[in-house]
Amino acid sequence: MITPLRLATFVFAFTVLPAPAQTADAEYKPELFQSVKLVYADTFDSGTLNTEFWEVRQSTTWAVKDGVLSGSPSSKEFQDKKKASDDPSHAGLKPVIWLKKVPENFVCVMRVRYDAPAYQKGFPLFDLGHHIHTLVFSEKSTTLTIKKKVESLPVEQPLFALNQWHDVVLELKKGTILLSIDGKKHLFESKNIDMAGQAQIDFKAVDFGTCQIDSIRLWEGVK
């Protein structure tokens, strides 16, 4: 016979208690820093774009829907106007958006995809600092270009495929960038890597393609 006391003990023993809640800082263990301090996190569930951290460029079209930040090219009217001006390279043929308030030493973890029929020369890319550290993706390589012409560092892995979601990690401190795509990593090292005076990450897709960001977390790296 099971007494009330024994029954209570039995129920308690087989009850799965919830695990302690983790802070956002505890969810990712940095490799270039001893610790991190959360700056910004977004899963885009609010349905609105946080313009304190994001800046849409070249009149491209960005909207938050179903928990995803989605970008597409500018309107045809804007494109035609720009093409006829002295600034045709900023016609918004490709979605462009900036993540602002990026620390000099940072960690950024995000889920992102670029959609297009094919790669374009020089695109898609992430700019860590505006035209400072440019990570360009192609079918066979990933290339870090520093300040356009100062240095070019191509590697065969990790690759960023078009038309599929990727889990991307970026860690940067002076002299070093750690890039991880779906768990495959490469460490770029150069005396020219330096985010001093920069405070943004640029997302640039392929002409007439799209960019989607499902979630993002940004930390300041603490040495």
C-alpha atoms as a PDB file:
ATOM      1  CA  MET A   1       0.000   0.000   0.000  1.00  0.00           C
ATOM      2  CA  ILE A   2       1.328   3.437  -0.974  1.00  0.00           C
ATOM      3  CA  THR A   3       0.873   5.931   1.833  1.00  0.00           C
ATOM      4  CA  PRO A   4       0.289   9.631   1.072  1.00  0.00           C
ATOM      5  CA  LEU A   5       3.865  10.381   2.154  1.00  0.00           C
ATOM      6  CA  ARG A   6       5.353   7.689  -0.103  1.00  0.00           C
ATOM      7  CA  LEU A   7       3.132   8.842  -2.986  1.00  0.00           C
ATOM      8  CA  ALA A   8       4.344  12.418  -2.626  1.00  0.00           C
ATOM      9  CA  THR A   9       7.954  11.222  -2.600  1.00  0.00           C
ATOM     10  CA  PHE A  10       7.335   9.085  -5.703  1.00  0.00           C
ATOM     11  CA  VAL A  11       5.751  11.985  -7.653  1.00  0.00           C
ATOM     12  CA  PHE A  12       8.572  14.368  -6.683  1.00  0.00           C
ATOM     13  CA  ALA A  13      11.235  11.895  -7.765  1.00  0.00           C
ATOM     14  CA  PHE A  14       9.803  11.616 -11.273  1.00  0.00           C
ATOM     15  CA  THR A  15       8.930  15.270 -11.753  1.00  0.00           C
ATOM     16  CA  VAL A  16      11.239  17.010 -14.221  1.00  0.00           C
ATOM     17  CA  LEU A  17      12.078  20.381 -12.810  1.00  0.00           C
ATOM     18  CA  PRO A  18      12.747  23.236 -15.252  1.00  0.00           C
ATOM     19  CA  ALA A  19      16.395  24.114 -15.757  1.00  0.00           C
ATOM     20  CA  PRO A  20      17.535  27.475 -14.433  1.00  0.00           C
ATOM     21  CA  ALA A  21      17.040  30.233 -16.978  1.00  0.00           C
ATOM     22  CA  GLN A  22      20.215  31.223 -18.816  1.00  0.00           C
ATOM     23  CA  THR A  23      21.163  34.791 -19.530  1.00  0.00           C
ATOM     24  CA  ALA A  24      21.833  35.786 -23.129  1.00  0.00           C
ATOM     25  CA  ASP A  25      25.525  36.209 -22.285  1.00  0.00           C
ATOM     26  CA  ALA A  26      25.712  32.559 -21.187  1.00  0.00           C
ATOM     27  CA  GLU A  27      24.329  31.131 -24.431  1.00  0.00           C
ATOM     28  CA  TYR A  28      27.510  31.645 -26.438  1.00  0.00           C
ATOM     29  CA  LYS A  29      31.059  31.097 -25.241  1.00  0.00           C
ATOM     30  CA  PRO A  30      33.455  33.435 -27.088  1.00  0.00           C
ATOM     31  CA  GLU A  31      36.821  32.235 -28.326  1.00  0.00           C
ATOM     32  CA  LEU A  32      38.607  35.575 -28.636  1.00  0.00           C
ATOM     33  CA  PHE A  33      37.411  37.075 -25.349  1.00  0.00           C
ATOM     34  CA  GLN A  34      37.273  36.091 -21.704  1.00  0.00           C
ATOM     35  CA  SER A  35      33.696  37.329 -21.443  1.00  0.00           C
ATOM     36  CA  VAL A  36      31.073  39.354 -23.293  1.00  0.00           C
ATOM     37  CA  LYS A  37      28.583  42.090 -22.466  1.00  0.00           C
ATOM     38  CA  LEU A  38      25.265  42.020 -24.306  1.00  0.00           C
ATOM     39  CA  VAL A  39      24.627  45.103 -26.468  1.00  0.00           C
ATOM     40  CA  TYR A  40      21.614  44.070 -28.551  1.00  0.00           C
ATOM     41  CA  ALA A  41      19.480  40.999 -29.190  1.00  0.00           C
ATOM     42  CA  ASP A  42      16.490  40.596 -31.488  1.00  0.00           C
ATOM     43  CA  THR A  43      14.363  37.703 -32.717  1.00  0.00           C
ATOM     44  CA  PHE A  44      12.141  40.107 -34.714  1.00  0.00           C
ATOM     45  CA  ASP A  45       9.018  38.831 -33.007  1.00  0.00           C
ATOM     46  CA  SER A  46       7.839  42.383 -32.310  1.00  0.00           C
ATOM     47  CA  GLY A  47       6.969  42.934 -35.958  1.00  0.00           C
ATOM     48  CA  THR A  48       8.808  46.262 -36.098  1.00  0.00           C
ATOM     49  CA  LEU A  49      12.354  47.276 -37.040  1.00  0.00           C
ATOM     50  CA  ASN A  50      14.420  48.689 -34.179  1.00  0.00           C
ATOM     51  CA  THR A  51      15.810  51.795 -35.892  1.00  0.00           C
ATOM     52  CA  GLU A  52      18.032  52.513 -32.907  1.00  0.00           C
ATOM     53  CA  PHE A  53      20.220  49.657 -34.184  1.00  0.00           C
ATOM     54  CA  TRP A  54      19.293  49.351 -37.874  1.00  0.00           C
ATOM     55  CA  GLU A  55      19.623  51.772 -40.778  1.00  0.00           C
ATOM     56  CA  VAL A  56      18.090  50.958 -44.171  1.00  0.00           C
ATOM     57  CA  ARG A  57      20.258  52.112 -47.081  1.00  0.00           C
ATOM     58  CA  GLN A  58      19.712  53.003 -50.743  1.00  0.00           C
ATOM     59  CA  SER A  59      15.922  53.108 -50.301  1.00  0.00           C
ATOM     60  CA  THR A  60      15.834  49.319 -50.324  1.00  0.00           C
ATOM     61  CA  THR A  61      12.735  47.616 -48.933  1.00  0.00           C
ATOM     62  CA  TRP A  62      12.923  46.054 -45.476  1.00  0.00           C
ATOM     63  CA  ALA A  63      10.118  44.686 -43.331  1.00  0.00           C
ATOM     64  CA  VAL A  64       9.675  42.459 -40.287  1.00  0.00           C
ATOM     65  CA  LYS A  65       7.171  39.675 -40.846  1.00  0.00           C
ATOM     66  CA  ASP A  66       6.605  36.348 -39.084  1.00  0.00           C
ATOM     67  CA  GLY A  67       9.684  36.843 -36.941  1.00  0.00           C
ATOM     68  CA  VAL A  68      12.065  37.514 -39.849  1.00  0.00           C
ATOM     69  CA  LEU A  69      13.693  40.731 -41.052  1.00  0.00           C
ATOM     70  CA  SER A  70      13.461  40.583 -44.850  1.00  0.00           C
ATOM     71  CA  GLY A  71      15.088  42.855 -47.397  1.00  0.00           C
ATOM     72  CA  SER A  72      14.478  43.295 -51.118  1.00  0.00           C
ATOM     73  CA  PRO A  73      15.595  45.840 -53.754  1.00  0.00           C
ATOM     74  CA  SER A  74      14.402  49.431 -54.004  1.00  0.00           C
ATOM     75  CA  SER A  75      11.462  50.456 -56.165  1.00  0.00           C
ATOM     76  CA  LYS A  76      11.873  50.652 -59.935  1.00  0.00           C
ATOM     77  CA  GLU A  77      11.186  54.396 -59.746  1.00  0.00           C
ATOM     78  CA  PHE A  78      14.101  54.902 -57.349  1.00  0.00           C
ATOM     79  CA  GLN A  79      16.364  52.691 -59.449  1.00  0.00           C
ATOM     80  CA  ASP A  80      15.580  54.569 -62.656  1.00  0.00           C
ATOM     81  CA  LYS A  81      16.180  57.922 -60.958  1.00  0.00           C
ATOM     82  CA  LYS A  82      19.533  56.817 -59.540  1.00  0.00           C
ATOM     83  CA  LYS A  83      20.667  55.233 -62.801  1.00  0.00           C
ATOM     84  CA  ALA A  84      20.074  58.554 -64.540  1.00  0.00           C
ATOM     85  CA  SER A  85      22.037  60.474 -61.877  1.00  0.00           C
ATOM     86  CA  ASP A  86      25.756  60.807 -61.172  1.00  0.00           C
ATOM     87  CA  ASP A  87      25.423  58.085 -58.485  1.00  0.00           C
ATOM     88  CA  PRO A  88      24.153  54.984 -60.343  1.00  0.00           C
ATOM     89  CA  SER A  89      26.056  52.550 -58.084  1.00  0.00           C
ATOM     90  CA  HIS A  90      23.660  53.267 -55.196  1.00  0.00           C
ATOM     91  CA  ALA A  91      20.440  52.518 -57.048  1.00  0.00           C
ATOM     92  CA  GLY A  92      19.300  49.927 -54.513  1.00  0.00           C
ATOM     93  CA  LEU A  93      19.424  46.976 -56.895  1.00  0.00           C
ATOM     94  CA  LYS A  94      20.520  44.838 -53.956  1.00  0.00           C
ATOM     95  CA  PRO A  95      19.112  44.977 -50.398  1.00  0.00           C
ATOM     96  CA  VAL A  96      21.446  46.922 -48.087  1.00  0.00           C
ATOM     97  CA  ILE A  97      21.092  47.481 -44.351  1.00  0.00           C
ATOM     98  CA  TRP A  98      23.466  48.521 -41.558  1.00  0.00           C
ATOM     99  CA  LEU A  99      23.602  47.202 -38.015  1.00  0.00           C
ATOM    100  CA  LYS A 100      24.724  50.149 -35.884  1.00  0.00           C
ATOM    101  CA  LYS A 101      26.339  50.606 -32.456  1.00  0.00           C
ATOM    102  CA  VAL A 102      28.779  47.748 -33.044  1.00  0.00           C
ATOM    103  CA  PRO A 103      31.603  47.789 -30.459  1.00  0.00           C
ATOM    104  CA  GLU A 104      35.262  47.962 -31.488  1.00  0.00           C
ATOM    105  CA  ASN A 105      35.707  44.478 -29.996  1.00  0.00           C
ATOM    106  CA  PHE A 106      32.596  42.423 -30.676  1.00  0.00           C
ATOM    107  CA  VAL A 107      30.872  39.096 -31.027  1.00  0.00           C
ATOM    108  CA  CYS A 108      27.872  38.766 -33.339  1.00  0.00           C
ATOM    109  CA  VAL A 109      25.793  35.588 -33.598  1.00  0.00           C
ATOM    110  CA  MET A 110      23.035  35.478 -36.183  1.00  0.00           C
ATOM    111  CA  ARG A 111      20.873  33.299 -38.408  1.00  0.00           C
ATOM    112  CA  VAL A 112      20.854  34.713 -41.921  1.00  0.00           C
ATOM    113  CA  ARG A 113      20.378  33.841 -45.599  1.00  0.00           C
ATOM    114  CA  TYR A 114      20.949  35.445 -48.986  1.00  0.00           C
ATOM    115  CA  ASP A 115      18.670  34.361 -51.832  1.00  0.00           C
ATOM    116  CA  ALA A 116      19.573  34.740 -55.521  1.00  0.00           C
ATOM    117  CA  PRO A 117      19.802  32.585 -58.678  1.00  0.00           C
ATOM    118  CA  ALA A 118      23.623  32.866 -58.604  1.00  0.00           C
ATOM    119  CA  TYR A 119      26.506  34.645 -56.904  1.00  0.00           C
ATOM    120  CA  GLN A 120      27.554  38.030 -58.238  1.00  0.00           C
ATOM    121  CA  LYS A 121      31.145  39.260 -58.430  1.00  0.00           C
ATOM    122  CA  GLY A 122      31.796  40.739 -54.983  1.00  0.00           C
ATOM    123  CA  PHE A 123      28.410  39.770 -53.530  1.00  0.00           C
ATOM    124  CA  PRO A 124      26.813  38.800 -51.208  1.00  0.00           C
ATOM    125  CA  LEU A 125      28.900  40.128 -48.353  1.00  0.00           C
ATOM    126  CA  PHE A 126      29.224  41.290 -44.771  1.00  0.00           C
ATOM    127  CA  ASP A 127      31.152  44.519 -44.141  1.00  0.00           C
ATOM    128  CA  LEU A 128      32.651  44.731 -40.648  1.00  0.00           C
ATOM    129  CA  GLY A 129      33.068  48.466 -40.571  1.00  0.00           C
ATOM    130  CA  HIS A 130      32.058  50.301 -43.746  1.00  0.00           C
ATOM    131  CA  HIS A 131      34.418  49.007 -46.482  1.00  0.00           C
ATOM    132  CA  ILE A 132      36.971  48.125 -43.776  1.00  0.00           C
ATOM    133  CA  HIS A 133      36.803  44.315 -43.429  1.00  0.00           C
ATOM    134  CA  THR A 134      34.716  42.874 -46.264  1.00  0.00           C
ATOM    135  CA  LEU A 135      33.753  39.199 -46.209  1.00  0.00           C
ATOM    136  CA  VAL A 136      32.719  38.262 -49.746  1.00  0.00           C
ATOM    137  CA  PHE A 137      31.067  34.916 -50.437  1.00  0.00           C
ATOM    138  CA  SER A 138      31.268  32.884 -53.626  1.00  0.00           C
ATOM    139  CA  GLU A 139      30.623  29.293 -54.636  1.00  0.00           C
ATOM    140  CA  LYS A 140      34.206  28.144 -54.051  1.00  0.00           C
ATOM    141  CA  SER A 141      35.694  30.545 -51.533  1.00  0.00           C
ATOM    142  CA  THR A 142      35.229  33.155 -48.837  1.00  0.00           C
ATOM    143  CA  THR A 143      37.474  36.201 -49.121  1.00  0.00           C
ATOM    144  CA  LEU A 144      38.343  38.794 -46.504  1.00  0.00           C
ATOM    145  CA  THR A 145      39.295  42.050 -48.208  1.00  0.00           C
ATOM    146  CA  ILE A 146      40.691  44.787 -45.981  1.00  0.00           C
ATOM    147  CA  LYS A 147      40.071  48.429 -46.928  1.00  0.00           C
ATOM    148  CA  LYS A 148      39.311  47.411 -50.534  1.00  0.00           C
ATOM    149  CA  LYS A 149      42.923  47.098 -51.709  1.00  0.00           C
ATOM    150  CA  VAL A 150      45.145  46.853 -48.634  1.00  0.00           C
ATOM    151  CA  GLU A 151      44.963  43.071 -48.256  1.00  0.00           C
ATOM    152  CA  SER A 152      43.019  40.097 -49.642  1.00  0.00           C
ATOM    153  CA  LEU A 153      42.764  36.790 -47.768  1.00  0.00           C
ATOM    154  CA  PRO A 154      40.816  34.061 -49.647  1.00  0.00           C
ATOM    155  CA  VAL A 155      39.999  30.731 -47.989  1.00  0.00           C
ATOM    156  CA  GLU A 156      38.191  27.617 -49.195  1.00  0.00           C
ATOM    157  CA  GLN A 157      36.202  27.198 -45.965  1.00  0.00           C
ATOM    158  CA  PRO A 158      33.818  28.103 -44.482  1.00  0.00           C
ATOM    159  CA  LEU A 159      31.460  28.690 -47.376  1.00  0.00           C
ATOM    160  CA  PHE A 160      28.146  30.554 -47.361  1.00  0.00           C
ATOM    161  CA  ALA A 161      25.669  28.905 -49.734  1.00  0.00           C
ATOM    162  CA  LEU A 162      22.875  30.851 -51.367  1.00  0.00           C
ATOM    163  CA  ASN A 163      19.191  30.099 -50.768  1.00  0.00           C
ATOM    164  CA  GLN A 164      19.541  28.473 -47.368  1.00  0.00           C
ATOM    165  CA  TRP A 165      19.742  29.496 -43.730  1.00  0.00           C
ATOM    166  CA  HIS A 166      23.119  29.676 -42.005  1.00  0.00           C
ATOM    167  CA  ASP A 167      24.183  30.085 -38.391  1.00  0.00           C
ATOM    168  CA  VAL A 168      26.930  32.703 -38.512  1.00  0.00           C
ATOM    169  CA  VAL A 169      29.341  33.783 -35.789  1.00  0.00           C
ATOM    170  CA  LEU A 170      31.652  36.776 -36.105  1.00  0.00           C
ATOM    171  CA  GLU A 171      34.218  37.639 -33.457  1.00  0.00           C
ATOM    172  CA  LEU A 172      36.588  40.551 -33.982  1.00  0.00           C
ATOM    173  CA  LYS A 173      39.392  42.089 -31.994  1.00  0.00           C
ATOM    174  CA  LYS A 174      42.392  44.018 -33.254  1.00  0.00           C
ATOM    175  CA  GLY A 175      44.459  41.710 -35.449  1.00  0.00           C
ATOM    176  CA  THR A 176      41.952  38.835 -35.563  1.00  0.00           C
ATOM    177  CA  ILE A 177      38.574  37.875 -37.033  1.00  0.00           C
ATOM    178  CA  LEU A 178      36.949  34.547 -36.252  1.00  0.00           C
ATOM    179  CA  LEU A 179      34.325  33.528 -38.820  1.00  0.00           C
ATOM    180  CA  SER A 180      32.086  30.513 -38.213  1.00  0.00           C
ATOM    181  CA  ILE A 181      29.399  29.308 -40.618  1.00  0.00           C
ATOM    182  CA  ASP A 182      27.318  26.362 -39.437  1.00  0.00           C
ATOM    183  CA  GLY A 183      30.111  25.362 -37.078  1.00  0.00           C
ATOM    184  CA  LYS A 184      32.919  25.486 -39.671  1.00  0.00           C
ATOM    185  CA  LYS A 185      35.510  28.040 -38.599  1.00  0.00           C
ATOM    186  CA  HIS A 186      38.385  30.086 -39.947  1.00  0.00           C
ATOM    187  CA  LEU A 187      40.637  32.494 -38.086  1.00  0.00           C
ATOM    188  CA  PHE A 188      41.786  35.492 -40.123  1.00  0.00           C
ATOM    189  CA  GLU A 189      44.866  37.176 -38.681  1.00  0.00           C
ATOM    190  CA  SER A 190      46.395  40.434 -39.926  1.00  0.00           C
ATOM    191  CA  LYS A 191      47.930  43.579 -38.463  1.00  0.00           C
ATOM    192  CA  ASN A 192      45.424  45.477 -40.656  1.00  0.00           C
ATOM    193  CA  ILE A 193      42.345  44.147 -38.825  1.00  0.00           C
ATOM    194  CA  ASP A 194      41.132  47.021 -36.652  1.00  0.00           C
ATOM    195  CA  MET A 195      37.585  48.304 -35.969  1.00  0.00           C
ATOM    196  CA  ALA A 196      38.749  51.530 -34.292  1.00  0.00           C
ATOM    197  CA  GLY A 197      36.499  54.365 -35.455  1.00  0.00           C
ATOM    198  CA  GLN A 198      33.982  51.942 -36.947  1.00  0.00           C
ATOM    199  CA  ALA A 199      30.623  50.997 -35.442  1.00  0.00           C
ATOM    200  CA  GLN A 200      28.630  48.984 -37.940  1.00  0.00           C
ATOM    201  CA  ILE A 201      28.118  45.742 -39.829  1.00  0.00           C
ATOM    202  CA  ASP A 202      26.776  46.079 -43.372  1.00  0.00           C
ATOM    203  CA  PHE A 203      24.610  43.434 -45.045  1.00  0.00           C
ATOM    204  CA  LYS A 204      24.648  43.522 -48.848  1.00  0.00           C
ATOM    205  CA  ALA A 205      22.901  40.965 -51.030  1.00  0.00           C
ATOM    206  CA  VAL A 206      23.045  40.154 -54.753  1.00  0.00           C
ATOM    207  CA  ASP A 207      21.398  42.397 -57.358  1.00  0.00           C
ATOM    208  CA  PHE A 208      17.658  41.663 -57.397  1.00  0.00           C
ATOM    209  CA  GLY A 209      18.117  39.095 -54.631  1.00  0.00           C
ATOM    210  CA  THR A 210      16.947  39.133 -51.030  1.00  0.00           C
ATOM    211  CA  CYS A 211      18.393  39.028 -47.528  1.00  0.00           C
ATOM    212  CA  GLN A 212      16.701  37.536 -44.475  1.00  0.00           C
ATOM    213  CA  ILE A 213      17.760  37.686 -40.831  1.00  0.00           C
ATOM    214  CA  ASP A 214      15.937  35.432 -38.394  1.00  0.00           C
ATOM    215  CA  SER A 215      17.742  36.373 -35.183  1.00  0.00           C
ATOM    216  CA  ILE A 216      20.783  38.330 -34.057  1.00  0.00           C
ATOM    217  CA  ARG A 217      22.772  38.890 -30.873  1.00  0.00           C
ATOM    218  CA  LEU A 218      25.560  41.424 -30.499  1.00  0.00           C
ATOM    219  CA  TRP A 219      28.002  41.575 -27.590  1.00  0.00           C
ATOM    220  CA  GLU A 220      30.947  43.707 -26.647  1.00  0.00           C
ATOM    221  CA  GLY A 221      33.995  41.512 -26.168  1.00  0.00           C
ATOM    222  CA  VAL A 222      35.844  41.894 -22.890  1.00  0.00           C
ATOM    223  CA  LYS A 223      39.534  40.980 -23.067  1.00  0.00           C
END
